[in-house]
N, C-alpha and C. Protein backbone atom coordinates (compact mmCIF):
# COMPACT_ATOMS: atom_id res chain seq x y z
N MET A 1 58.24 190.54 159.73
CA MET A 1 59.49 190.10 159.16
C MET A 1 60.04 188.89 159.90
N SER A 2 59.88 188.86 161.23
CA SER A 2 60.41 187.75 162.01
C SER A 2 59.67 186.45 161.70
N LYS A 3 58.36 186.53 161.37
CA LYS A 3 57.61 185.32 161.01
C LYS A 3 58.16 184.74 159.71
N PHE A 4 58.46 185.62 158.78
CA PHE A 4 59.02 185.16 157.50
C PHE A 4 60.39 184.51 157.72
N LYS A 5 61.21 185.13 158.55
CA LYS A 5 62.54 184.59 158.83
C LYS A 5 62.45 183.24 159.55
N ASP A 6 61.51 183.10 160.48
CA ASP A 6 61.31 181.83 161.18
C ASP A 6 60.87 180.73 160.19
N ALA A 7 59.97 181.07 159.31
CA ALA A 7 59.50 180.10 158.31
C ALA A 7 60.64 179.69 157.39
N LEU A 8 61.46 180.63 157.00
CA LEU A 8 62.61 180.34 156.15
C LEU A 8 63.60 179.42 156.86
N ASP A 9 63.86 179.68 158.13
CA ASP A 9 64.76 178.84 158.92
C ASP A 9 64.20 177.43 159.08
N ARG A 10 62.89 177.32 159.33
CA ARG A 10 62.27 176.00 159.46
C ARG A 10 62.38 175.23 158.14
N GLY A 11 62.20 175.92 157.03
CA GLY A 11 62.32 175.29 155.72
C GLY A 11 63.74 174.77 155.47
N LYS A 12 64.73 175.58 155.83
CA LYS A 12 66.13 175.16 155.66
C LYS A 12 66.44 173.96 156.54
N GLU A 13 65.94 173.98 157.77
CA GLU A 13 66.18 172.87 158.69
C GLU A 13 65.50 171.59 158.19
N ALA A 14 64.29 171.72 157.69
CA ALA A 14 63.57 170.55 157.15
C ALA A 14 64.33 169.97 155.96
N ARG A 15 64.87 170.83 155.12
CA ARG A 15 65.63 170.36 153.96
C ARG A 15 66.89 169.61 154.41
N ARG A 16 67.60 170.15 155.41
CA ARG A 16 68.79 169.48 155.93
C ARG A 16 68.45 168.11 156.51
N GLU A 17 67.36 168.03 157.25
CA GLU A 17 66.93 166.75 157.83
C GLU A 17 66.59 165.74 156.74
N GLN A 18 65.92 166.21 155.70
CA GLN A 18 65.56 165.33 154.59
C GLN A 18 66.82 164.81 153.89
N GLU A 19 67.79 165.69 153.66
CA GLU A 19 69.03 165.27 153.02
C GLU A 19 69.80 164.27 153.88
N GLU A 20 69.77 164.45 155.20
CA GLU A 20 70.42 163.51 156.10
C GLU A 20 69.75 162.14 156.04
N LYS A 21 68.42 162.12 155.98
CA LYS A 21 67.69 160.85 155.89
C LYS A 21 68.06 160.11 154.61
N VAL A 22 68.08 160.83 153.50
CA VAL A 22 68.43 160.21 152.21
C VAL A 22 69.86 159.69 152.25
N GLY A 23 70.77 160.45 152.82
CA GLY A 23 72.16 160.02 152.94
C GLY A 23 72.30 158.78 153.79
N ASN A 24 71.56 158.72 154.90
CA ASN A 24 71.62 157.54 155.77
C ASN A 24 71.04 156.31 155.08
N GLU A 25 69.96 156.48 154.32
CA GLU A 25 69.36 155.36 153.61
C GLU A 25 70.32 154.81 152.57
N LYS A 26 71.03 155.68 151.88
CA LYS A 26 72.00 155.22 150.89
C LYS A 26 73.16 154.49 151.56
N ALA A 27 73.59 154.98 152.70
CA ALA A 27 74.70 154.34 153.41
C ALA A 27 74.31 152.97 153.93
N GLU A 28 73.04 152.78 154.30
CA GLU A 28 72.58 151.51 154.83
C GLU A 28 72.18 150.53 153.73
N GLY A 29 72.17 150.95 152.47
CA GLY A 29 71.76 150.10 151.36
C GLY A 29 72.64 148.86 151.23
N VAL A 30 72.05 147.78 150.76
CA VAL A 30 72.76 146.52 150.62
C VAL A 30 73.56 146.54 149.32
N ASP A 31 74.75 146.03 149.37
CA ASP A 31 75.61 145.92 148.20
C ASP A 31 74.96 144.99 147.19
N PHE A 32 74.86 145.43 145.93
CA PHE A 32 74.21 144.63 144.90
C PHE A 32 74.91 143.28 144.71
N GLY A 33 76.23 143.29 144.66
CA GLY A 33 76.97 142.04 144.47
C GLY A 33 76.71 141.05 145.59
N ALA A 34 76.65 141.55 146.82
CA ALA A 34 76.38 140.68 147.97
C ALA A 34 74.96 140.13 147.90
N GLN A 35 74.02 140.97 147.50
CA GLN A 35 72.63 140.53 147.39
C GLN A 35 72.49 139.49 146.27
N ALA A 36 73.18 139.70 145.16
CA ALA A 36 73.12 138.75 144.05
C ALA A 36 73.75 137.41 144.44
N ARG A 37 74.90 137.46 145.13
CA ARG A 37 75.54 136.21 145.57
C ARG A 37 74.66 135.47 146.57
N ALA A 38 73.99 136.20 147.44
CA ALA A 38 73.08 135.57 148.41
C ALA A 38 71.93 134.88 147.68
N TRP A 39 71.37 135.52 146.65
CA TRP A 39 70.28 134.91 145.89
C TRP A 39 70.78 133.65 145.19
N LEU A 40 71.95 133.73 144.59
CA LEU A 40 72.49 132.55 143.91
C LEU A 40 72.70 131.41 144.90
N ASN A 41 73.21 131.71 146.08
CA ASN A 41 73.42 130.66 147.09
C ASN A 41 72.10 130.10 147.60
N ASP A 42 71.16 130.98 147.91
CA ASP A 42 69.89 130.55 148.51
C ASP A 42 69.00 129.80 147.53
N VAL A 43 68.97 130.24 146.29
CA VAL A 43 68.04 129.66 145.32
C VAL A 43 68.74 128.65 144.41
N VAL A 44 69.78 129.08 143.71
CA VAL A 44 70.39 128.24 142.69
C VAL A 44 71.17 127.08 143.30
N VAL A 45 72.08 127.37 144.22
CA VAL A 45 72.89 126.30 144.80
C VAL A 45 72.01 125.31 145.55
N ALA A 46 71.03 125.80 146.29
CA ALA A 46 70.13 124.90 147.02
C ALA A 46 69.36 124.01 146.05
N SER A 47 68.86 124.57 144.95
CA SER A 47 68.12 123.77 143.97
C SER A 47 69.02 122.74 143.29
N LEU A 48 70.24 123.15 142.96
CA LEU A 48 71.17 122.22 142.31
C LEU A 48 71.56 121.08 143.25
N GLU A 49 71.77 121.38 144.52
CA GLU A 49 72.12 120.33 145.47
C GLU A 49 70.96 119.35 145.67
N THR A 50 69.74 119.88 145.71
CA THR A 50 68.57 119.02 145.83
C THR A 50 68.43 118.14 144.60
N ALA A 51 68.59 118.73 143.42
CA ALA A 51 68.49 117.96 142.18
C ALA A 51 69.58 116.91 142.10
N ARG A 52 70.78 117.25 142.53
CA ARG A 52 71.89 116.29 142.50
C ARG A 52 71.55 115.07 143.35
N ALA A 53 70.98 115.30 144.51
CA ALA A 53 70.61 114.19 145.39
C ALA A 53 69.46 113.36 144.82
N ASP A 54 68.51 114.03 144.16
CA ASP A 54 67.34 113.33 143.62
C ASP A 54 67.65 112.45 142.42
N VAL A 55 68.59 112.84 141.58
CA VAL A 55 68.86 112.11 140.33
C VAL A 55 70.25 111.49 140.31
N ALA A 56 70.80 111.21 141.46
CA ALA A 56 72.19 110.76 141.56
C ALA A 56 72.47 109.50 140.75
N GLY A 57 71.53 108.61 140.57
CA GLY A 57 71.78 107.37 139.87
C GLY A 57 71.87 107.50 138.36
N GLU A 58 71.11 108.41 137.78
CA GLU A 58 71.02 108.51 136.32
C GLU A 58 71.79 109.68 135.73
N VAL A 59 71.66 110.82 136.36
CA VAL A 59 72.20 112.06 135.81
C VAL A 59 73.11 112.71 136.85
N ALA A 60 74.21 113.25 136.39
CA ALA A 60 75.13 113.95 137.29
C ALA A 60 74.96 115.46 137.13
N VAL A 61 75.01 116.15 138.24
CA VAL A 61 74.94 117.61 138.26
C VAL A 61 76.16 118.11 139.01
N GLU A 62 77.02 118.83 138.31
CA GLU A 62 78.23 119.38 138.92
C GLU A 62 78.12 120.90 138.94
N MET A 63 78.62 121.52 140.01
CA MET A 63 78.57 122.97 140.15
C MET A 63 79.96 123.57 140.23
N ASP A 64 80.10 124.74 139.67
CA ASP A 64 81.29 125.56 139.83
C ASP A 64 80.79 126.88 140.41
N THR A 65 80.74 126.95 141.74
CA THR A 65 80.10 128.10 142.39
C THR A 65 80.98 129.32 142.51
N ALA A 66 82.29 129.16 142.39
CA ALA A 66 83.17 130.31 142.58
C ALA A 66 84.24 130.37 141.50
N PRO A 67 83.86 130.73 140.28
CA PRO A 67 84.90 130.90 139.27
C PRO A 67 85.92 131.94 139.73
N ARG A 68 87.19 131.63 139.57
CA ARG A 68 88.24 132.51 140.08
C ARG A 68 88.16 133.92 139.52
N ARG A 69 87.84 134.05 138.26
CA ARG A 69 87.85 135.38 137.66
C ARG A 69 86.67 136.24 138.10
N GLN A 70 85.66 135.63 138.73
CA GLN A 70 84.48 136.39 139.13
C GLN A 70 84.30 136.47 140.64
N ALA A 71 85.35 136.22 141.38
CA ALA A 71 85.23 136.19 142.84
C ALA A 71 84.68 137.51 143.39
N LYS A 72 85.09 138.62 142.84
CA LYS A 72 84.63 139.93 143.32
C LYS A 72 83.83 140.66 142.25
N ALA A 73 83.26 139.95 141.31
CA ALA A 73 82.51 140.59 140.23
C ALA A 73 81.25 141.24 140.76
N SER A 74 80.86 142.35 140.14
CA SER A 74 79.65 143.03 140.58
C SER A 74 78.40 142.29 140.12
N THR A 75 78.52 141.48 139.08
CA THR A 75 77.41 140.65 138.62
C THR A 75 77.86 139.19 138.65
N PRO A 76 77.72 138.55 139.79
CA PRO A 76 78.22 137.18 139.94
C PRO A 76 77.41 136.17 139.12
N SER A 77 78.01 135.01 138.93
CA SER A 77 77.33 133.94 138.20
C SER A 77 77.77 132.60 138.76
N ILE A 78 77.01 131.59 138.41
CA ILE A 78 77.33 130.21 138.79
C ILE A 78 77.24 129.37 137.52
N ARG A 79 78.19 128.49 137.35
CA ARG A 79 78.13 127.55 136.23
C ARG A 79 77.85 126.17 136.77
N PHE A 80 77.07 125.41 136.00
CA PHE A 80 76.83 124.02 136.37
C PHE A 80 76.77 123.18 135.12
N ARG A 81 77.01 121.90 135.30
CA ARG A 81 77.06 120.96 134.18
C ARG A 81 76.13 119.80 134.48
N ILE A 82 75.39 119.39 133.47
CA ILE A 82 74.48 118.25 133.60
C ILE A 82 74.86 117.24 132.53
N TYR A 83 75.03 115.98 132.93
CA TYR A 83 75.31 114.93 131.96
C TYR A 83 74.75 113.61 132.45
N ARG A 84 74.49 112.73 131.51
CA ARG A 84 73.92 111.42 131.81
C ARG A 84 75.03 110.43 132.11
N LYS A 85 74.82 109.60 133.11
CA LYS A 85 75.79 108.57 133.46
C LYS A 85 75.46 107.30 132.68
N ARG A 86 76.49 106.60 132.26
CA ARG A 86 76.31 105.31 131.58
C ARG A 86 77.11 104.27 132.32
N GLY A 87 76.43 103.31 132.90
CA GLY A 87 77.11 102.24 133.61
C GLY A 87 77.97 102.79 134.74
N THR A 88 79.23 102.39 134.73
CA THR A 88 80.13 102.86 135.79
C THR A 88 80.86 104.14 135.40
N GLU A 89 80.86 104.46 134.11
CA GLU A 89 81.55 105.68 133.66
C GLU A 89 80.53 106.73 133.26
N LYS A 90 80.87 107.96 133.52
CA LYS A 90 79.97 109.03 133.11
C LYS A 90 80.16 109.34 131.63
N GLU A 91 79.09 109.77 131.03
CA GLU A 91 79.14 110.13 129.62
C GLU A 91 79.96 111.40 129.48
N VAL A 92 80.81 111.43 128.49
CA VAL A 92 81.70 112.57 128.30
C VAL A 92 80.92 113.81 127.86
N VAL A 93 79.91 113.61 127.03
CA VAL A 93 79.16 114.73 126.49
C VAL A 93 78.14 115.21 127.52
N GLY A 94 78.21 116.46 127.84
CA GLY A 94 77.26 117.08 128.75
C GLY A 94 77.08 118.52 128.35
N ARG A 95 76.22 119.20 129.02
CA ARG A 95 76.01 120.62 128.72
C ARG A 95 76.38 121.44 129.94
N THR A 96 77.04 122.55 129.68
CA THR A 96 77.40 123.48 130.74
C THR A 96 76.48 124.68 130.64
N PHE A 97 75.94 125.08 131.78
CA PHE A 97 75.01 126.20 131.84
C PHE A 97 75.57 127.27 132.76
N SER A 98 75.20 128.50 132.49
CA SER A 98 75.60 129.62 133.35
C SER A 98 74.35 130.31 133.87
N VAL A 99 74.35 130.59 135.16
CA VAL A 99 73.29 131.38 135.77
C VAL A 99 73.89 132.75 136.02
N ASN A 100 73.38 133.76 135.33
CA ASN A 100 73.94 135.10 135.40
C ASN A 100 72.94 136.08 136.00
N VAL A 101 73.47 137.01 136.78
CA VAL A 101 72.66 138.08 137.36
C VAL A 101 73.01 139.37 136.62
N GLN A 102 72.01 140.00 136.00
CA GLN A 102 72.23 141.28 135.33
C GLN A 102 72.13 142.41 136.35
N LEU A 103 72.60 143.57 135.98
CA LEU A 103 72.56 144.73 136.88
C LEU A 103 71.13 145.13 137.24
N SER A 104 70.17 144.76 136.40
CA SER A 104 68.77 145.07 136.70
C SER A 104 68.22 144.18 137.80
N GLY A 105 68.95 143.11 138.13
CA GLY A 105 68.48 142.17 139.14
C GLY A 105 67.87 140.92 138.53
N GLN A 106 67.65 140.93 137.21
CA GLN A 106 67.10 139.77 136.53
C GLN A 106 68.14 138.66 136.49
N VAL A 107 67.68 137.42 136.62
CA VAL A 107 68.56 136.26 136.60
C VAL A 107 68.18 135.41 135.40
N SER A 108 69.20 134.98 134.65
CA SER A 108 68.93 134.16 133.47
C SER A 108 69.88 132.97 133.43
N VAL A 109 69.43 131.93 132.73
CA VAL A 109 70.23 130.72 132.53
C VAL A 109 70.53 130.63 131.05
N SER A 110 71.79 130.37 130.71
CA SER A 110 72.16 130.26 129.30
C SER A 110 73.17 129.14 129.12
N SER A 111 73.29 128.73 127.87
CA SER A 111 74.23 127.69 127.48
C SER A 111 74.51 127.88 126.00
N PRO A 112 75.67 127.43 125.53
CA PRO A 112 75.92 127.52 124.09
C PRO A 112 74.84 126.75 123.33
N GLY A 113 74.26 127.39 122.34
CA GLY A 113 73.20 126.77 121.54
C GLY A 113 71.82 126.89 122.16
N MET A 114 71.70 127.65 123.22
CA MET A 114 70.42 127.82 123.90
C MET A 114 70.16 129.30 124.12
N VAL A 115 68.95 129.73 123.85
CA VAL A 115 68.59 131.11 124.11
C VAL A 115 68.47 131.28 125.63
N ALA A 116 69.03 132.35 126.14
CA ALA A 116 68.98 132.60 127.59
C ALA A 116 67.53 132.69 128.05
N ARG A 117 67.25 132.06 129.18
CA ARG A 117 65.90 132.08 129.74
C ARG A 117 65.92 132.73 131.10
N GLU A 118 65.00 133.67 131.30
CA GLU A 118 64.91 134.36 132.58
C GLU A 118 64.27 133.43 133.61
N VAL A 119 64.86 133.42 134.80
CA VAL A 119 64.36 132.53 135.85
C VAL A 119 64.01 133.25 137.14
N GLY A 120 64.03 134.56 137.13
CA GLY A 120 63.65 135.26 138.34
C GLY A 120 64.35 136.59 138.50
N ASN A 121 64.21 137.11 139.71
CA ASN A 121 64.80 138.38 140.08
C ASN A 121 65.36 138.23 141.49
N ILE A 122 66.49 138.87 141.77
CA ILE A 122 67.11 138.70 143.08
C ILE A 122 66.26 139.27 144.21
N GLY A 123 65.28 140.10 143.88
CA GLY A 123 64.38 140.62 144.90
C GLY A 123 63.34 139.60 145.32
N ASP A 124 63.16 138.56 144.52
CA ASP A 124 62.16 137.52 144.78
C ASP A 124 62.89 136.24 145.17
N ARG A 125 62.63 135.72 146.33
CA ARG A 125 63.33 134.53 146.82
C ARG A 125 62.69 133.22 146.37
N ALA A 126 61.63 133.28 145.58
CA ALA A 126 60.98 132.05 145.12
C ALA A 126 61.88 131.34 144.11
N ASP A 127 61.94 130.02 144.21
CA ASP A 127 62.81 129.27 143.32
C ASP A 127 62.04 128.46 142.29
N GLU A 128 60.74 128.72 142.14
CA GLU A 128 59.90 127.91 141.26
C GLU A 128 60.36 127.94 139.81
N ARG A 129 60.66 129.12 139.28
CA ARG A 129 61.03 129.23 137.88
C ARG A 129 62.37 128.53 137.61
N PHE A 130 63.33 128.72 138.49
CA PHE A 130 64.62 128.06 138.30
C PHE A 130 64.48 126.55 138.45
N SER A 131 63.73 126.12 139.45
CA SER A 131 63.56 124.68 139.68
C SER A 131 62.87 124.00 138.51
N SER A 132 61.87 124.65 137.93
CA SER A 132 61.18 124.03 136.79
C SER A 132 62.09 123.97 135.57
N LEU A 133 62.89 125.00 135.34
CA LEU A 133 63.85 124.96 134.23
C LEU A 133 64.90 123.88 134.48
N LEU A 134 65.37 123.77 135.69
CA LEU A 134 66.35 122.74 136.04
C LEU A 134 65.78 121.35 135.79
N ALA A 135 64.52 121.14 136.14
CA ALA A 135 63.88 119.85 135.89
C ALA A 135 63.84 119.54 134.39
N GLU A 136 63.53 120.54 133.57
CA GLU A 136 63.54 120.35 132.11
C GLU A 136 64.93 119.98 131.61
N LEU A 137 65.94 120.66 132.11
CA LEU A 137 67.31 120.40 131.67
C LEU A 137 67.76 119.00 132.07
N ILE A 138 67.37 118.56 133.25
CA ILE A 138 67.73 117.22 133.71
C ILE A 138 67.00 116.16 132.89
N GLU A 139 65.73 116.41 132.56
CA GLU A 139 64.99 115.47 131.71
C GLU A 139 65.65 115.34 130.34
N ASP A 140 66.07 116.47 129.77
CA ASP A 140 66.75 116.44 128.48
C ASP A 140 68.05 115.64 128.57
N ALA A 141 68.78 115.82 129.65
CA ALA A 141 70.04 115.09 129.83
C ALA A 141 69.77 113.59 130.00
N ALA A 142 68.71 113.24 130.70
CA ALA A 142 68.37 111.83 130.90
C ALA A 142 67.98 111.17 129.58
N LYS A 143 67.33 111.93 128.70
CA LYS A 143 66.94 111.40 127.39
C LYS A 143 68.14 111.31 126.46
N GLY A 144 69.17 112.06 126.77
CA GLY A 144 70.35 112.05 125.93
C GLY A 144 70.32 113.09 124.84
N THR A 145 69.45 114.11 124.99
CA THR A 145 69.38 115.16 123.97
C THR A 145 70.17 116.37 124.37
């Protein structure tokens, strides 16, 4: 009987230890909003700043990185605008794009009149998909389309 009782006690103790481990892992988990904002800063803002410097003479790239209404949003986003410059004055017509992070971690770029295009996941720090889409958008703006 004592062997059975010892085994039962060991089982209860193992279960408690397992529950403590799971609880600690959840407590140490990274906040989704913070992780999404970090991805937007590391990938999107860096790519937009690089593009702005590369095409400064022909095309303008403006960013709105902290919309007031989304300062503490659980799914943050960044808006940016691309337009072609003409002479000394910038062209009034431009397109505004939004980079949105869904709760699944997927990141997409959208604009009025454009189907949203997925450009990555916040778990992946590679910026290739966003950079290639940004290059396409800048080319379209330079052509005036």
